[in-house]
Amino acid sequence: MMEAHHSSAAHDPSLPPLPEDERILLLLGLLTSQDRHGYEINDFIEHQLACVTDLKKATAYQLLDRLEQHELITSRAEQHGQRPTRKVYALTESGHAHFMRLLTAQLREEEPLILPGNVPIMFCEHLPLPERLSALEERIGKLEARLKTYDYLLSKVSLTTGVGLSMERIQAVTQADLVWMKDLLGRWQAEQPQK
């Protein structure tokens, strides 16, 4: 539920600027359909979006606080029965406008694929060929296992349309990485002395 935004906190020069990154887009996006408490947001990220983002709980709470300082979200205390009081977050009108602006801008962007694991590839010639082959074969096995996990998630787990599209992209990039790794393995195998 959106609430009115009447203050000028979003333009307060004493506040540090918000990052214009996917973490902010994610948190605002999770609040577009309904108000959510912090635990629910973090639980959803951890269990439904682990393949899409590596946003940690502590960082999420820090960013939620900053979003609230900028009046893009509000929070209220809520208690049900004997449960501890929980902080429930809601999107403001200016938060929704900020979300739409970020979404449009980020969807247009091309981003470099700076993948983890590039640095060991860069220095791999320092390893003797048998060790390189063994390490790459193990890495290929792990990539194949990861792809099976993605196949399972896409076929068996109920995902929202957007999460499903993100998973399809991750699966396609992982598949391309696997193809490249297998090609590299073939090139290295061709370097082995013939017996």
C-alpha atoms as a PDB file:
ATOM      1  CA  MET A   1       0.000   0.000   0.000  1.00  0.00           C
ATOM      2  CA  MET A   2       1.417   3.406  -0.960  1.00  0.00           C
ATOM      3  CA  GLU A   3       1.342   6.294   1.433  1.00  0.00           C
ATOM      4  CA  ALA A   4       1.597   9.960   0.583  1.00  0.00           C
ATOM      5  CA  HIS A   5       4.984  11.603   0.558  1.00  0.00           C
ATOM      6  CA  HIS A   6       4.912  15.241   1.624  1.00  0.00           C
ATOM      7  CA  SER A   7       8.312  15.909   3.135  1.00  0.00           C
ATOM      8  CA  SER A   8      11.529  17.023   1.510  1.00  0.00           C
ATOM      9  CA  ALA A   9      13.748  14.363   3.128  1.00  0.00           C
ATOM     10  CA  ALA A  10      14.468  12.829  -0.284  1.00  0.00           C
ATOM     11  CA  HIS A  11      16.072  16.157  -1.221  1.00  0.00           C
ATOM     12  CA  ASP A  12      17.792  16.718   2.143  1.00  0.00           C
ATOM     13  CA  PRO A  13      21.436  17.492   1.288  1.00  0.00           C
ATOM     14  CA  SER A  14      22.594  16.208   4.691  1.00  0.00           C
ATOM     15  CA  LEU A  15      21.529  12.657   3.767  1.00  0.00           C
ATOM     16  CA  PRO A  16      24.070  10.580   1.876  1.00  0.00           C
ATOM     17  CA  PRO A  17      22.758   9.752  -1.600  1.00  0.00           C
ATOM     18  CA  LEU A  18      21.224   6.366  -2.182  1.00  0.00           C
ATOM     19  CA  PRO A  19      23.038   3.946  -4.458  1.00  0.00           C
ATOM     20  CA  GLU A  20      21.308   3.625  -7.825  1.00  0.00           C
ATOM     21  CA  ASP A  21      21.854  -0.122  -7.967  1.00  0.00           C
ATOM     22  CA  GLU A  22      19.890  -3.350  -8.140  1.00  0.00           C
ATOM     23  CA  ARG A  23      19.743  -3.722  -4.357  1.00  0.00           C
ATOM     24  CA  ILE A  24      17.592  -0.589  -4.075  1.00  0.00           C
ATOM     25  CA  LEU A  25      15.464  -1.691  -7.025  1.00  0.00           C
ATOM     26  CA  LEU A  26      14.971  -5.106  -5.419  1.00  0.00           C
ATOM     27  CA  LEU A  27      13.870  -3.755  -2.031  1.00  0.00           C
ATOM     28  CA  LEU A  28      11.504  -1.205  -3.547  1.00  0.00           C
ATOM     29  CA  GLY A  29      10.190  -3.835  -5.962  1.00  0.00           C
ATOM     30  CA  LEU A  30       9.377  -6.257  -3.140  1.00  0.00           C
ATOM     31  CA  LEU A  31       7.211  -3.551  -1.592  1.00  0.00           C
ATOM     32  CA  THR A  32       5.286  -2.668  -4.767  1.00  0.00           C
ATOM     33  CA  SER A  33       2.634  -5.344  -4.319  1.00  0.00           C
ATOM     34  CA  GLN A  34       2.247  -5.324  -0.530  1.00  0.00           C
ATOM     35  CA  ASP A  35       3.635  -4.097   2.761  1.00  0.00           C
ATOM     36  CA  ARG A  36       6.174  -6.514   4.230  1.00  0.00           C
ATOM     37  CA  HIS A  37       8.028  -6.899   7.493  1.00  0.00           C
ATOM     38  CA  GLY A  38      11.814  -7.092   7.481  1.00  0.00           C
ATOM     39  CA  TYR A  39      11.988 -10.800   8.251  1.00  0.00           C
ATOM     40  CA  GLU A  40       9.613 -11.569   5.379  1.00  0.00           C
ATOM     41  CA  ILE A  41      11.719  -9.504   2.955  1.00  0.00           C
ATOM     42  CA  ASN A  42      14.945 -11.210   4.002  1.00  0.00           C
ATOM     43  CA  ASP A  43      13.365 -14.675   4.056  1.00  0.00           C
ATOM     44  CA  PHE A  44      12.047 -14.157   0.516  1.00  0.00           C
ATOM     45  CA  ILE A  45      15.452 -12.970  -0.702  1.00  0.00           C
ATOM     46  CA  GLU A  46      17.261 -15.882   0.960  1.00  0.00           C
ATOM     47  CA  HIS A  47      14.887 -18.654  -0.121  1.00  0.00           C
ATOM     48  CA  GLN A  48      13.386 -17.436  -3.394  1.00  0.00           C
ATOM     49  CA  LEU A  49      16.071 -15.182  -4.834  1.00  0.00           C
ATOM     50  CA  ALA A  50      19.356 -16.803  -3.770  1.00  0.00           C
ATOM     51  CA  CYS A  51      20.189 -17.514  -7.432  1.00  0.00           C
ATOM     52  CA  VAL A  52      19.312 -13.948  -8.467  1.00  0.00           C
ATOM     53  CA  THR A  53      21.000 -11.831  -5.783  1.00  0.00           C
ATOM     54  CA  ASP A  54      23.564 -12.155  -3.021  1.00  0.00           C
ATOM     55  CA  LEU A  55      22.055  -9.348  -0.908  1.00  0.00           C
ATOM     56  CA  LYS A  56      22.832 -10.098   2.741  1.00  0.00           C
ATOM     57  CA  LYS A  57      20.406  -9.549   5.599  1.00  0.00           C
ATOM     58  CA  ALA A  58      22.502  -6.880   7.353  1.00  0.00           C
ATOM     59  CA  THR A  59      22.884  -4.916   4.116  1.00  0.00           C
ATOM     60  CA  ALA A  60      19.162  -5.212   3.378  1.00  0.00           C
ATOM     61  CA  TYR A  61      18.275  -3.754   6.795  1.00  0.00           C
ATOM     62  CA  GLN A  62      20.794  -0.918   6.333  1.00  0.00           C
ATOM     63  CA  LEU A  63      19.334  -0.108   2.941  1.00  0.00           C
ATOM     64  CA  LEU A  64      15.769  -0.250   4.280  1.00  0.00           C
ATOM     65  CA  ASP A  65      16.772   2.292   6.940  1.00  0.00           C
ATOM     66  CA  ARG A  66      18.284   4.524   4.264  1.00  0.00           C
ATOM     67  CA  LEU A  67      15.208   4.206   2.068  1.00  0.00           C
ATOM     68  CA  GLU A  68      13.124   5.268   5.040  1.00  0.00           C
ATOM     69  CA  GLN A  69      15.410   8.261   5.725  1.00  0.00           C
ATOM     70  CA  HIS A  70      14.872   9.309   2.111  1.00  0.00           C
ATOM     71  CA  GLU A  71      11.109   8.811   2.622  1.00  0.00           C
ATOM     72  CA  LEU A  72      10.840   6.317  -0.193  1.00  0.00           C
ATOM     73  CA  ILE A  73       9.375   3.848   2.303  1.00  0.00           C
ATOM     74  CA  THR A  74       7.744   4.159   5.710  1.00  0.00           C
ATOM     75  CA  SER A  75       7.657   1.713   8.588  1.00  0.00           C
ATOM     76  CA  ARG A  76       5.276   0.936  11.388  1.00  0.00           C
ATOM     77  CA  ALA A  77       5.432  -1.403  14.374  1.00  0.00           C
ATOM     78  CA  GLU A  78       3.022  -4.335  14.263  1.00  0.00           C
ATOM     79  CA  GLN A  79       2.329  -7.022  16.836  1.00  0.00           C
ATOM     80  CA  HIS A  80       0.208 -10.147  16.509  1.00  0.00           C
ATOM     81  CA  GLY A  81      -0.613 -12.107  19.647  1.00  0.00           C
ATOM     82  CA  GLN A  82       2.431 -13.082  21.694  1.00  0.00           C
ATOM     83  CA  ARG A  83       4.853 -12.593  18.811  1.00  0.00           C
ATOM     84  CA  PRO A  84       7.523  -9.925  19.152  1.00  0.00           C
ATOM     85  CA  THR A  85       6.798  -6.564  17.587  1.00  0.00           C
ATOM     86  CA  ARG A  86       7.834  -6.444  13.947  1.00  0.00           C
ATOM     87  CA  LYS A  87       8.704  -3.531  11.729  1.00  0.00           C
ATOM     88  CA  VAL A  88       6.492  -3.451   8.640  1.00  0.00           C
ATOM     89  CA  TYR A  89       7.662  -1.486   5.610  1.00  0.00           C
ATOM     90  CA  ALA A  90       5.435   0.231   3.049  1.00  0.00           C
ATOM     91  CA  LEU A  91       6.220   2.016  -0.197  1.00  0.00           C
ATOM     92  CA  THR A  92       5.465   5.753  -0.435  1.00  0.00           C
ATOM     93  CA  GLU A  93       4.282   7.481  -3.602  1.00  0.00           C
ATOM     94  CA  SER A  94       7.768   8.915  -4.118  1.00  0.00           C
ATOM     95  CA  GLY A  95       9.194   5.434  -3.463  1.00  0.00           C
ATOM     96  CA  HIS A  96       6.990   4.017  -6.215  1.00  0.00           C
ATOM     97  CA  ALA A  97       8.083   6.800  -8.590  1.00  0.00           C
ATOM     98  CA  HIS A  98      11.747   6.124  -7.684  1.00  0.00           C
ATOM     99  CA  PHE A  99      11.210   2.380  -8.280  1.00  0.00           C
ATOM    100  CA  MET A 100       9.700   3.025 -11.730  1.00  0.00           C
ATOM    101  CA  ARG A 101      12.553   5.363 -12.676  1.00  0.00           C
ATOM    102  CA  LEU A 102      15.220   2.872 -11.517  1.00  0.00           C
ATOM    103  CA  LEU A 103      13.445  -0.028 -13.214  1.00  0.00           C
ATOM    104  CA  THR A 104      13.288   1.792 -16.538  1.00  0.00           C
ATOM    105  CA  ALA A 105      16.898   2.986 -16.329  1.00  0.00           C
ATOM    106  CA  GLN A 106      18.323  -0.376 -15.248  1.00  0.00           C
ATOM    107  CA  LEU A 107      16.349  -2.400 -17.790  1.00  0.00           C
ATOM    108  CA  ARG A 108      17.898  -0.245 -20.543  1.00  0.00           C
ATOM    109  CA  GLU A 109      21.462  -0.720 -19.293  1.00  0.00           C
ATOM    110  CA  GLU A 110      23.998  -3.141 -20.639  1.00  0.00           C
ATOM    111  CA  GLU A 111      26.234  -4.330 -17.848  1.00  0.00           C
ATOM    112  CA  PRO A 112      29.630  -5.973 -18.059  1.00  0.00           C
ATOM    113  CA  LEU A 113      29.691  -9.608 -17.051  1.00  0.00           C
ATOM    114  CA  ILE A 114      32.438  -9.515 -14.469  1.00  0.00           C
ATOM    115  CA  LEU A 115      32.128 -13.094 -13.366  1.00  0.00           C
ATOM    116  CA  PRO A 116      33.707 -14.578 -10.285  1.00  0.00           C
ATOM    117  CA  GLY A 117      36.406 -16.980 -11.323  1.00  0.00           C
ATOM    118  CA  ASN A 118      37.978 -14.823 -14.019  1.00  0.00           C
ATOM    119  CA  VAL A 119      41.139 -14.205 -11.983  1.00  0.00           C
ATOM    120  CA  PRO A 120      42.148 -17.881 -11.641  1.00  0.00           C
ATOM    121  CA  ILE A 121      41.572 -18.310 -15.391  1.00  0.00           C
ATOM    122  CA  MET A 122      43.882 -15.336 -15.947  1.00  0.00           C
ATOM    123  CA  PHE A 123      46.774 -17.041 -14.095  1.00  0.00           C
ATOM    124  CA  CYS A 124      46.064 -20.669 -15.008  1.00  0.00           C
ATOM    125  CA  GLU A 125      49.215 -21.043 -17.138  1.00  0.00           C
ATOM    126  CA  HIS A 126      51.208 -21.093 -13.878  1.00  0.00           C
ATOM    127  CA  LEU A 127      49.801 -24.526 -13.048  1.00  0.00           C
ATOM    128  CA  PRO A 128      51.241 -27.657 -14.613  1.00  0.00           C
ATOM    129  CA  LEU A 129      48.935 -29.001 -17.321  1.00  0.00           C
ATOM    130  CA  PRO A 130      47.703 -32.068 -15.350  1.00  0.00           C
ATOM    131  CA  GLU A 131      46.663 -29.847 -12.429  1.00  0.00           C
ATOM    132  CA  ARG A 132      44.936 -27.404 -14.793  1.00  0.00           C
ATOM    133  CA  LEU A 133      43.021 -30.231 -16.428  1.00  0.00           C
ATOM    134  CA  SER A 134      41.969 -31.713 -13.103  1.00  0.00           C
ATOM    135  CA  ALA A 135      40.847 -28.347 -11.725  1.00  0.00           C
ATOM    136  CA  LEU A 136      38.889 -27.483 -14.864  1.00  0.00           C
ATOM    137  CA  GLU A 137      37.210 -30.898 -14.976  1.00  0.00           C
ATOM    138  CA  GLU A 138      36.097 -30.390 -11.374  1.00  0.00           C
ATOM    139  CA  ARG A 139      34.815 -26.898 -12.198  1.00  0.00           C
ATOM    140  CA  ILE A 140      32.886 -28.259 -15.192  1.00  0.00           C
ATOM    141  CA  GLY A 141      31.278 -30.875 -12.935  1.00  0.00           C
ATOM    142  CA  LYS A 142      30.172 -28.132 -10.549  1.00  0.00           C
ATOM    143  CA  LEU A 143      28.747 -26.071 -13.422  1.00  0.00           C
ATOM    144  CA  GLU A 144      26.786 -29.105 -14.640  1.00  0.00           C
ATOM    145  CA  ALA A 145      25.414 -29.650 -11.121  1.00  0.00           C
ATOM    146  CA  ARG A 146      24.430 -25.977 -10.892  1.00  0.00           C
ATOM    147  CA  LEU A 147      22.579 -26.233 -14.195  1.00  0.00           C
ATOM    148  CA  LYS A 148      20.636 -29.228 -12.875  1.00  0.00           C
ATOM    149  CA  THR A 149      19.621 -27.116  -9.879  1.00  0.00           C
ATOM    150  CA  TYR A 150      18.440 -24.359 -12.224  1.00  0.00           C
ATOM    151  CA  ASP A 151      16.512 -26.904 -14.322  1.00  0.00           C
ATOM    152  CA  TYR A 152      14.801 -28.144 -11.168  1.00  0.00           C
ATOM    153  CA  LEU A 153      13.944 -24.647  -9.978  1.00  0.00           C
ATOM    154  CA  LEU A 154      12.515 -23.645 -13.343  1.00  0.00           C
ATOM    155  CA  SER A 155      10.454 -26.820 -13.736  1.00  0.00           C
ATOM    156  CA  LYS A 156       9.351 -27.672 -10.204  1.00  0.00           C
ATOM    157  CA  VAL A 157       9.333 -24.523  -8.070  1.00  0.00           C
ATOM    158  CA  SER A 158       6.578 -21.956  -8.364  1.00  0.00           C
ATOM    159  CA  LEU A 159       8.318 -18.721  -9.345  1.00  0.00           C
ATOM    160  CA  THR A 160       6.826 -15.364 -10.177  1.00  0.00           C
ATOM    161  CA  THR A 161       7.127 -14.383 -13.831  1.00  0.00           C
ATOM    162  CA  GLY A 162       9.952 -11.940 -13.096  1.00  0.00           C
ATOM    163  CA  VAL A 163      11.944 -14.374 -10.960  1.00  0.00           C
ATOM    164  CA  GLY A 164      11.446 -17.035 -13.628  1.00  0.00           C
ATOM    165  CA  LEU A 165      12.815 -14.712 -16.323  1.00  0.00           C
ATOM    166  CA  SER A 166      15.825 -13.871 -14.146  1.00  0.00           C
ATOM    167  CA  MET A 167      16.451 -17.576 -13.585  1.00  0.00           C
ATOM    168  CA  GLU A 168      16.222 -18.260 -17.328  1.00  0.00           C
ATOM    169  CA  ARG A 169      18.874 -15.600 -17.951  1.00  0.00           C
ATOM    170  CA  ILE A 170      21.146 -17.003 -15.236  1.00  0.00           C
ATOM    171  CA  GLN A 171      20.674 -20.491 -16.685  1.00  0.00           C
ATOM    172  CA  ALA A 172      21.557 -19.265 -20.205  1.00  0.00           C
ATOM    173  CA  VAL A 173      24.700 -17.448 -19.008  1.00  0.00           C
ATOM    174  CA  THR A 174      25.746 -20.496 -16.958  1.00  0.00           C
ATOM    175  CA  GLN A 175      25.176 -22.753 -19.978  1.00  0.00           C
ATOM    176  CA  ALA A 176      27.337 -20.449 -22.117  1.00  0.00           C
ATOM    177  CA  ASP A 177      30.049 -20.541 -19.435  1.00  0.00           C
ATOM    178  CA  LEU A 178      29.896 -24.352 -19.425  1.00  0.00           C
ATOM    179  CA  VAL A 179      30.278 -24.465 -23.222  1.00  0.00           C
ATOM    180  CA  TRP A 180      33.302 -22.149 -23.002  1.00  0.00           C
ATOM    181  CA  MET A 181      34.867 -24.202 -20.181  1.00  0.00           C
ATOM    182  CA  LYS A 182      34.433 -27.438 -22.160  1.00  0.00           C
ATOM    183  CA  ASP A 183      36.047 -25.803 -25.186  1.00  0.00           C
ATOM    184  CA  LEU A 184      38.957 -24.667 -23.009  1.00  0.00           C
ATOM    185  CA  LEU A 185      39.275 -28.176 -21.576  1.00  0.00           C
ATOM    186  CA  GLY A 186      39.476 -29.543 -25.131  1.00  0.00           C
ATOM    187  CA  ARG A 187      42.236 -27.061 -26.022  1.00  0.00           C
ATOM    188  CA  TRP A 188      44.203 -28.008 -22.916  1.00  0.00           C
ATOM    189  CA  GLN A 189      43.717 -31.709 -23.561  1.00  0.00           C
ATOM    190  CA  ALA A 190      45.136 -31.187 -27.064  1.00  0.00           C
ATOM    191  CA  GLU A 191      48.314 -29.788 -25.429  1.00  0.00           C
ATOM    192  CA  GLN A 192      49.003 -33.133 -23.716  1.00  0.00           C
ATOM    193  CA  PRO A 193      51.903 -35.085 -25.149  1.00  0.00           C
ATOM    194  CA  GLN A 194      50.744 -38.026 -27.232  1.00  0.00           C
ATOM    195  CA  LYS A 195      51.436 -41.421 -25.664  1.00  0.00           C
END
